[in-house]
Amino acid sequence: FNVRFSDAITSVIKDEAANITLEISPHPVLATSIRECYELTNQQQSAPLILSTLKGKENKQITLLTSLAQLTTSSHVW
């Protein structure tokens, strides 16, 4: 069973013109790979907004609220 992460993310970027990603996990392990997929598609006019809900040992509440604040105050359409 192979996971085709790059193919899946690239498909979402192309089909949905997505430029915001919210990684829901205990640690942002996919952010770099997601950013690389955006760079490979070359379709984005502006840099994507890649947010995390949790970051390892950082304060969980502050991390989540900071990401939500970035989401609501960004110029990205969601």
PDB file of N, CA and C in Angstrom:
ATOM      1  N   PHE A   1       0.848  -1.182   0.000  1.00  0.00           N
ATOM      2  CA  PHE A   1       0.000   0.000   0.000  1.00  0.00           C
ATOM      3  C   PHE A   1       0.886   1.236   0.000  1.00  0.00           C
ATOM      4  N   ASN A   2       0.829   2.011  -1.049  1.00  0.00           N
ATOM      5  CA  ASN A   2       1.651   3.215  -1.170  1.00  0.00           C
ATOM      6  C   ASN A   2       0.818   4.460  -0.899  1.00  0.00           C
ATOM      7  N   VAL A   3       1.397   5.385  -0.191  1.00  0.00           N
ATOM      8  CA  VAL A   3       0.771   6.681   0.036  1.00  0.00           C
ATOM      9  C   VAL A   3       1.337   7.642  -0.999  1.00  0.00           C
ATOM     10  N   ARG A   4       0.467   8.241  -1.763  1.00  0.00           N
ATOM     11  CA  ARG A   4       0.901   9.164  -2.813  1.00  0.00           C
ATOM     12  C   ARG A   4       0.590  10.593  -2.361  1.00  0.00           C
ATOM     13  N   PHE A   5       1.306  11.023  -1.327  1.00  0.00           N
ATOM     14  CA  PHE A   5       1.053  12.315  -0.696  1.00  0.00           C
ATOM     15  C   PHE A   5       1.200  13.462  -1.692  1.00  0.00           C
ATOM     16  N   SER A   6       2.318  13.490  -2.395  1.00  0.00           N
ATOM     17  CA  SER A   6       2.584  14.574  -3.339  1.00  0.00           C
ATOM     18  C   SER A   6       1.503  14.649  -4.408  1.00  0.00           C
ATOM     19  N   ASP A   7       1.115  13.518  -4.958  1.00  0.00           N
ATOM     20  CA  ASP A   7       0.064  13.495  -5.978  1.00  0.00           C
ATOM     21  C   ASP A   7      -1.255  14.022  -5.421  1.00  0.00           C
ATOM     22  N   ALA A   8      -1.583  13.621  -4.204  1.00  0.00           N
ATOM     23  CA  ALA A   8      -2.842  14.042  -3.591  1.00  0.00           C
ATOM     24  C   ALA A   8      -2.865  15.543  -3.329  1.00  0.00           C
ATOM     25  N   ILE A   9      -1.810  16.069  -2.743  1.00  0.00           N
ATOM     26  CA  ILE A   9      -1.761  17.504  -2.433  1.00  0.00           C
ATOM     27  C   ILE A   9      -1.728  18.330  -3.714  1.00  0.00           C
ATOM     28  N   THR A  10      -0.941  17.894  -4.698  1.00  0.00           N
ATOM     29  CA  THR A  10      -0.865  18.608  -5.972  1.00  0.00           C
ATOM     30  C   THR A  10      -2.227  18.631  -6.653  1.00  0.00           C
ATOM     31  N   SER A  11      -2.957  17.546  -6.583  1.00  0.00           N
ATOM     32  CA  SER A  11      -4.295  17.487  -7.164  1.00  0.00           C
ATOM     33  C   SER A  11      -5.238  18.482  -6.494  1.00  0.00           C
ATOM     34  N   VAL A  12      -5.175  18.565  -5.178  1.00  0.00           N
ATOM     35  CA  VAL A  12      -6.013  19.523  -4.449  1.00  0.00           C
ATOM     36  C   VAL A  12      -5.640  20.952  -4.834  1.00  0.00           C
ATOM     37  N   ILE A  13      -4.357  21.232  -4.921  1.00  0.00           N
ATOM     38  CA  ILE A  13      -3.901  22.580  -5.270  1.00  0.00           C
ATOM     39  C   ILE A  13      -4.411  22.967  -6.650  1.00  0.00           C
ATOM     40  N   LYS A  14      -4.287  22.079  -7.616  1.00  0.00           N
ATOM     41  CA  LYS A  14      -4.698  22.378  -8.993  1.00  0.00           C
ATOM     42  C   LYS A  14      -6.207  22.464  -9.133  1.00  0.00           C
ATOM     43  N   ASP A  15      -6.929  21.528  -8.527  1.00  0.00           N
ATOM     44  CA  ASP A  15      -8.378  21.474  -8.689  1.00  0.00           C
ATOM     45  C   ASP A  15      -9.118  22.523  -7.875  1.00  0.00           C
ATOM     46  N   GLU A  16      -8.634  22.810  -6.709  1.00  0.00           N
ATOM     47  CA  GLU A  16      -9.353  23.695  -5.804  1.00  0.00           C
ATOM     48  C   GLU A  16      -8.735  25.083  -5.686  1.00  0.00           C
ATOM     49  N   ALA A  17      -7.608  25.298  -6.318  1.00  0.00           N
ATOM     50  CA  ALA A  17      -6.876  26.556  -6.166  1.00  0.00           C
ATOM     51  C   ALA A  17      -6.664  26.865  -4.683  1.00  0.00           C
ATOM     52  N   ALA A  18      -6.379  25.828  -3.927  1.00  0.00           N
ATOM     53  CA  ALA A  18      -6.202  25.966  -2.483  1.00  0.00           C
ATOM     54  C   ALA A  18      -4.904  26.693  -2.170  1.00  0.00           C
ATOM     55  N   ASN A  19      -4.952  27.608  -1.230  1.00  0.00           N
ATOM     56  CA  ASN A  19      -3.723  28.262  -0.791  1.00  0.00           C
ATOM     57  C   ASN A  19      -3.650  28.369   0.729  1.00  0.00           C
ATOM     58  N   ILE A  20      -4.516  27.612   1.400  1.00  0.00           N
ATOM     59  CA  ILE A  20      -4.480  27.534   2.862  1.00  0.00           C
ATOM     60  C   ILE A  20      -4.510  26.059   3.260  1.00  0.00           C
ATOM     61  N   THR A  21      -3.623  25.702   4.159  1.00  0.00           N
ATOM     62  CA  THR A  21      -3.610  24.340   4.684  1.00  0.00           C
ATOM     63  C   THR A  21      -3.543  24.418   6.202  1.00  0.00           C
ATOM     64  N   LEU A  22      -4.436  23.711   6.867  1.00  0.00           N
ATOM     65  CA  LEU A  22      -4.425  23.615   8.321  1.00  0.00           C
ATOM     66  C   LEU A  22      -4.090  22.176   8.680  1.00  0.00           C
ATOM     67  N   GLU A  23      -2.888  21.968   9.184  1.00  0.00           N
ATOM     68  CA  GLU A  23      -2.450  20.623   9.553  1.00  0.00           C
ATOM     69  C   GLU A  23      -2.936  20.304  10.963  1.00  0.00           C
ATOM     70  N   ILE A  24      -3.766  19.292  11.052  1.00  0.00           N
ATOM     71  CA  ILE A  24      -4.316  18.873  12.337  1.00  0.00           C
ATOM     72  C   ILE A  24      -3.539  17.644  12.794  1.00  0.00           C
ATOM     73  N   SER A  25      -2.573  17.875  13.646  1.00  0.00           N
ATOM     74  CA  SER A  25      -1.711  16.798  14.137  1.00  0.00           C
ATOM     75  C   SER A  25      -0.982  17.278  15.385  1.00  0.00           C
ATOM     76  N   PRO A  26      -0.375  16.374  16.146  1.00  0.00           N
ATOM     77  CA  PRO A  26       0.337  16.766  17.359  1.00  0.00           C
ATOM     78  C   PRO A  26       1.612  17.557  17.080  1.00  0.00           C
ATOM     79  N   HIS A  27       2.117  17.475  15.861  1.00  0.00           N
ATOM     80  CA  HIS A  27       3.334  18.199  15.481  1.00  0.00           C
ATOM     81  C   HIS A  27       3.286  18.440  13.976  1.00  0.00           C
ATOM     82  N   PRO A  28       3.667  19.619  13.507  1.00  0.00           N
ATOM     83  CA  PRO A  28       3.569  19.932  12.078  1.00  0.00           C
ATOM     84  C   PRO A  28       4.640  19.219  11.239  1.00  0.00           C
ATOM     85  N   VAL A  29       4.424  17.957  10.947  1.00  0.00           N
ATOM     86  CA  VAL A  29       5.421  17.176  10.207  1.00  0.00           C
ATOM     87  C   VAL A  29       5.248  17.274   8.695  1.00  0.00           C
ATOM     88  N   LEU A  30       4.102  17.717   8.227  1.00  0.00           N
ATOM     89  CA  LEU A  30       3.840  17.746   6.789  1.00  0.00           C
ATOM     90  C   LEU A  30       4.014  19.120   6.156  1.00  0.00           C
ATOM     91  N   ALA A  31       4.225  20.147   6.952  1.00  0.00           N
ATOM     92  CA  ALA A  31       4.289  21.515   6.433  1.00  0.00           C
ATOM     93  C   ALA A  31       5.342  21.686   5.341  1.00  0.00           C
ATOM     94  N   THR A  32       6.521  21.137   5.530  1.00  0.00           N
ATOM     95  CA  THR A  32       7.585  21.268   4.531  1.00  0.00           C
ATOM     96  C   THR A  32       7.191  20.576   3.232  1.00  0.00           C
ATOM     97  N   SER A  33       6.635  19.393   3.325  1.00  0.00           N
ATOM     98  CA  SER A  33       6.214  18.659   2.127  1.00  0.00           C
ATOM     99  C   SER A  33       5.079  19.382   1.406  1.00  0.00           C
ATOM    100  N   ILE A  34       4.159  19.938   2.149  1.00  0.00           N
ATOM    101  CA  ILE A  34       3.055  20.691   1.550  1.00  0.00           C
ATOM    102  C   ILE A  34       3.599  21.920   0.833  1.00  0.00           C
ATOM    103  N   ARG A  35       4.517  22.627   1.462  1.00  0.00           N
ATOM    104  CA  ARG A  35       5.129  23.809   0.847  1.00  0.00           C
ATOM    105  C   ARG A  35       5.839  23.432  -0.459  1.00  0.00           C
ATOM    106  N   GLU A  36       6.545  22.311  -0.463  1.00  0.00           N
ATOM    107  CA  GLU A  36       7.226  21.850  -1.678  1.00  0.00           C
ATOM    108  C   GLU A  36       6.225  21.566  -2.795  1.00  0.00           C
ATOM    109  N   CYS A  37       5.090  21.006  -2.466  1.00  0.00           N
ATOM    110  CA  CYS A  37       4.060  20.745  -3.480  1.00  0.00           C
ATOM    111  C   CYS A  37       3.555  22.046  -4.091  1.00  0.00           C
ATOM    112  N   TYR A  38       3.353  23.063  -3.260  1.00  0.00           N
ATOM    113  CA  TYR A  38       2.943  24.367  -3.778  1.00  0.00           C
ATOM    114  C   TYR A  38       3.998  24.923  -4.727  1.00  0.00           C
ATOM    115  N   GLU A  39       5.259  24.810  -4.352  1.00  0.00           N
ATOM    116  CA  GLU A  39       6.341  25.322  -5.186  1.00  0.00           C
ATOM    117  C   GLU A  39       6.417  24.579  -6.514  1.00  0.00           C
ATOM    118  N   LEU A  40       6.173  23.290  -6.519  1.00  0.00           N
ATOM    119  CA  LEU A  40       6.247  22.493  -7.746  1.00  0.00           C
ATOM    120  C   LEU A  40       5.120  22.793  -8.724  1.00  0.00           C
ATOM    121  N   THR A  41       3.963  23.193  -8.223  1.00  0.00           N
ATOM    122  CA  THR A  41       2.844  23.476  -9.121  1.00  0.00           C
ATOM    123  C   THR A  41       3.000  24.823  -9.807  1.00  0.00           C
ATOM    124  N   ASN A  42       3.702  25.753  -9.164  1.00  0.00           N
ATOM    125  CA  ASN A  42       3.931  27.094  -9.722  1.00  0.00           C
ATOM    126  C   ASN A  42       2.635  27.799 -10.101  1.00  0.00           C
ATOM    127  N   GLN A  43       1.539  27.475  -9.453  1.00  0.00           N
ATOM    128  CA  GLN A  43       0.261  28.097  -9.771  1.00  0.00           C
ATOM    129  C   GLN A  43      -0.104  29.221  -8.805  1.00  0.00           C
ATOM    130  N   GLN A  44       0.563  29.298  -7.715  1.00  0.00           N
ATOM    131  CA  GLN A  44       0.179  30.263  -6.695  1.00  0.00           C
ATOM    132  C   GLN A  44       0.824  31.622  -6.949  1.00  0.00           C
ATOM    133  N   GLN A  45      -0.004  32.647  -6.946  1.00  0.00           N
ATOM    134  CA  GLN A  45       0.495  34.007  -7.080  1.00  0.00           C
ATOM    135  C   GLN A  45       1.129  34.471  -5.769  1.00  0.00           C
ATOM    136  N   SER A  46       0.520  34.073  -4.672  1.00  0.00           N
ATOM    137  CA  SER A  46       1.041  34.441  -3.357  1.00  0.00           C
ATOM    138  C   SER A  46       1.457  33.177  -2.610  1.00  0.00           C
ATOM    139  N   ALA A  47       2.254  33.365  -1.599  1.00  0.00           N
ATOM    140  CA  ALA A  47       2.725  32.225  -0.808  1.00  0.00           C
ATOM    141  C   ALA A  47       1.547  31.573  -0.088  1.00  0.00           C
ATOM    142  N   PRO A  48       1.543  30.258   0.006  1.00  0.00           N
ATOM    143  CA  PRO A  48       0.450  29.588   0.710  1.00  0.00           C
ATOM    144  C   PRO A  48       0.525  29.845   2.210  1.00  0.00           C
ATOM    145  N   LEU A  49      -0.604  29.749   2.852  1.00  0.00           N
ATOM    146  CA  LEU A  49      -0.677  29.872   4.302  1.00  0.00           C
ATOM    147  C   LEU A  49      -0.788  28.461   4.866  1.00  0.00           C
ATOM    148  N   ILE A  50       0.268  28.004   5.537  1.00  0.00           N
ATOM    149  CA  ILE A  50       0.297  26.658   6.096  1.00  0.00           C
ATOM    150  C   ILE A  50       0.341  26.789   7.615  1.00  0.00           C
ATOM    151  N   LEU A  51      -0.731  26.362   8.254  1.00  0.00           N
ATOM    152  CA  LEU A  51      -0.883  26.530   9.698  1.00  0.00           C
ATOM    153  C   LEU A  51      -0.931  25.181  10.399  1.00  0.00           C
ATOM    154  N   SER A  52      -0.571  25.188  11.666  1.00  0.00           N
ATOM    155  CA  SER A  52      -0.581  23.972  12.478  1.00  0.00           C
ATOM    156  C   SER A  52      -1.492  24.162  13.679  1.00  0.00           C
ATOM    157  N   THR A  53      -2.128  23.079  14.098  1.00  0.00           N
ATOM    158  CA  THR A  53      -2.971  23.155  15.289  1.00  0.00           C
ATOM    159  C   THR A  53      -2.164  22.946  16.562  1.00  0.00           C
ATOM    160  N   LEU A  54      -1.115  22.137  16.474  1.00  0.00           N
ATOM    161  CA  LEU A  54      -0.257  21.862  17.630  1.00  0.00           C
ATOM    162  C   LEU A  54       1.196  21.838  17.184  1.00  0.00           C
ATOM    163  N   LYS A  55       2.094  22.164  18.106  1.00  0.00           N
ATOM    164  CA  LYS A  55       3.523  22.146  17.799  1.00  0.00           C
ATOM    165  C   LYS A  55       4.286  21.528  18.960  1.00  0.00           C
ATOM    166  N   GLY A  56       4.322  20.226  18.983  1.00  0.00           N
ATOM    167  CA  GLY A  56       5.104  19.509  19.983  1.00  0.00           C
ATOM    168  C   GLY A  56       4.798  19.915  21.407  1.00  0.00           C
ATOM    169  N   LYS A  57       5.801  20.456  22.086  1.00  0.00           N
ATOM    170  CA  LYS A  57       5.667  20.783  23.509  1.00  0.00           C
ATOM    171  C   LYS A  57       5.211  22.215  23.762  1.00  0.00           C
ATOM    172  N   GLU A  58       4.948  22.979  22.694  1.00  0.00           N
ATOM    173  CA  GLU A  58       4.464  24.346  22.886  1.00  0.00           C
ATOM    174  C   GLU A  58       3.061  24.317  23.487  1.00  0.00           C
ATOM    175  N   ASN A  59       2.671  25.429  24.098  1.00  0.00           N
ATOM    176  CA  ASN A  59       1.352  25.543  24.705  1.00  0.00           C
ATOM    177  C   ASN A  59       0.277  25.293  23.645  1.00  0.00           C
ATOM    178  N   LYS A  60      -0.533  24.279  23.852  1.00  0.00           N
ATOM    179  CA  LYS A  60      -1.514  23.855  22.857  1.00  0.00           C
ATOM    180  C   LYS A  60      -2.563  24.917  22.573  1.00  0.00           C
ATOM    181  N   GLN A  61      -3.056  25.541  23.619  1.00  0.00           N
ATOM    182  CA  GLN A  61      -4.095  26.546  23.452  1.00  0.00           C
ATOM    183  C   GLN A  61      -3.567  27.756  22.688  1.00  0.00           C
ATOM    184  N   ILE A  62      -2.390  28.221  23.037  1.00  0.00           N
ATOM    185  CA  ILE A  62      -1.803  29.379  22.360  1.00  0.00           C
ATOM    186  C   ILE A  62      -1.515  29.055  20.897  1.00  0.00           C
ATOM    187  N   THR A  63      -0.972  27.871  20.623  1.00  0.00           N
ATOM    188  CA  THR A  63      -0.667  27.482  19.247  1.00  0.00           C
ATOM    189  C   THR A  63      -1.930  27.448  18.396  1.00  0.00           C
ATOM    190  N   LEU A  64      -2.978  26.822  18.891  1.00  0.00           N
ATOM    191  CA  LEU A  64      -4.224  26.734  18.138  1.00  0.00           C
ATOM    192  C   LEU A  64      -4.843  28.111  17.926  1.00  0.00           C
ATOM    193  N   LEU A  65      -4.912  28.910  18.968  1.00  0.00           N
ATOM    194  CA  LEU A  65      -5.503  30.246  18.842  1.00  0.00           C
ATOM    195  C   LEU A  65      -4.686  31.146  17.921  1.00  0.00           C
ATOM    196  N   THR A  66      -3.368  31.013  17.947  1.00  0.00           N
ATOM    197  CA  THR A  66      -2.512  31.788  17.047  1.00  0.00           C
ATOM    198  C   THR A  66      -2.786  31.410  15.596  1.00  0.00           C
ATOM    199  N   SER A  67      -2.900  30.123  15.320  1.00  0.00           N
ATOM    200  CA  SER A  67      -3.194  29.676  13.954  1.00  0.00           C
ATOM    201  C   SER A  67      -4.564  30.166  13.501  1.00  0.00           C
ATOM    202  N   LEU A  68      -5.552  30.104  14.371  1.00  0.00           N
ATOM    203  CA  LEU A  68      -6.883  30.593  14.021  1.00  0.00           C
ATOM    204  C   LEU A  68      -6.878  32.099  13.784  1.00  0.00           C
ATOM    205  N   ALA A  69      -6.102  32.832  14.570  1.00  0.00           N
ATOM    206  CA  ALA A  69      -5.983  34.278  14.367  1.00  0.00           C
ATOM    207  C   ALA A  69      -5.327  34.577  13.022  1.00  0.00           C
ATOM    208  N   GLN A  70      -4.274  33.837  12.678  1.00  0.00           N
ATOM    209  CA  GLN A  70      -3.624  34.021  11.379  1.00  0.00           C
ATOM    210  C   GLN A  70      -4.594  33.719  10.245  1.00  0.00           C
ATOM    211  N   LEU A  71      -5.389  32.696  10.409  1.00  0.00           N
ATOM    212  CA  LEU A  71      -6.357  32.321   9.387  1.00  0.00           C
ATOM    213  C   LEU A  71      -7.387  33.422   9.170  1.00  0.00           C
ATOM    214  N   THR A  72      -7.931  33.952  10.239  1.00  0.00           N
ATOM    215  CA  THR A  72      -8.994  34.946  10.111  1.00  0.00           C
ATOM    216  C   THR A  72      -8.493  36.327   9.715  1.00  0.00           C
ATOM    217  N   THR A  73      -7.221  36.614   9.949  1.00  0.00           N
ATOM    218  CA  THR A  73      -6.702  37.938   9.599  1.00  0.00           C
ATOM    219  C   THR A  73      -5.899  37.947   8.304  1.00  0.00           C
ATOM    220  N   SER A  74      -5.741  36.798   7.678  1.00  0.00           N
ATOM    221  CA  SER A  74      -4.959  36.749   6.436  1.00  0.00           C
ATOM    222  C   SER A  74      -5.796  37.268   5.271  1.00  0.00           C
ATOM    223  N   SER A  75      -5.119  37.609   4.207  1.00  0.00           N
ATOM    224  CA  SER A  75      -5.807  38.068   2.997  1.00  0.00           C
ATOM    225  C   SER A  75      -6.214  36.896   2.112  1.00  0.00           C
ATOM    226  N   HIS A  76      -5.899  35.682   2.526  1.00  0.00           N
ATOM    227  CA  HIS A  76      -6.252  34.493   1.755  1.00  0.00           C
ATOM    228  C   HIS A  76      -7.760  34.255   1.810  1.00  0.00           C
ATOM    229  N   VAL A  77      -8.316  33.833   0.702  1.00  0.00           N
ATOM    230  CA  VAL A  77      -9.739  33.511   0.652  1.00  0.00           C
ATOM    231  C   VAL A  77      -9.934  32.096   1.162  1.00  0.00           C
ATOM    232  N   TRP A  78     -10.837  31.930   2.086  1.00  0.00           N
ATOM    233  CA  TRP A  78     -11.159  30.605   2.608  1.00  0.00           C
ATOM    234  C   TRP A  78     -12.613  30.548   2.819  1.00  0.00           C
TER     235      TRP A  78
END
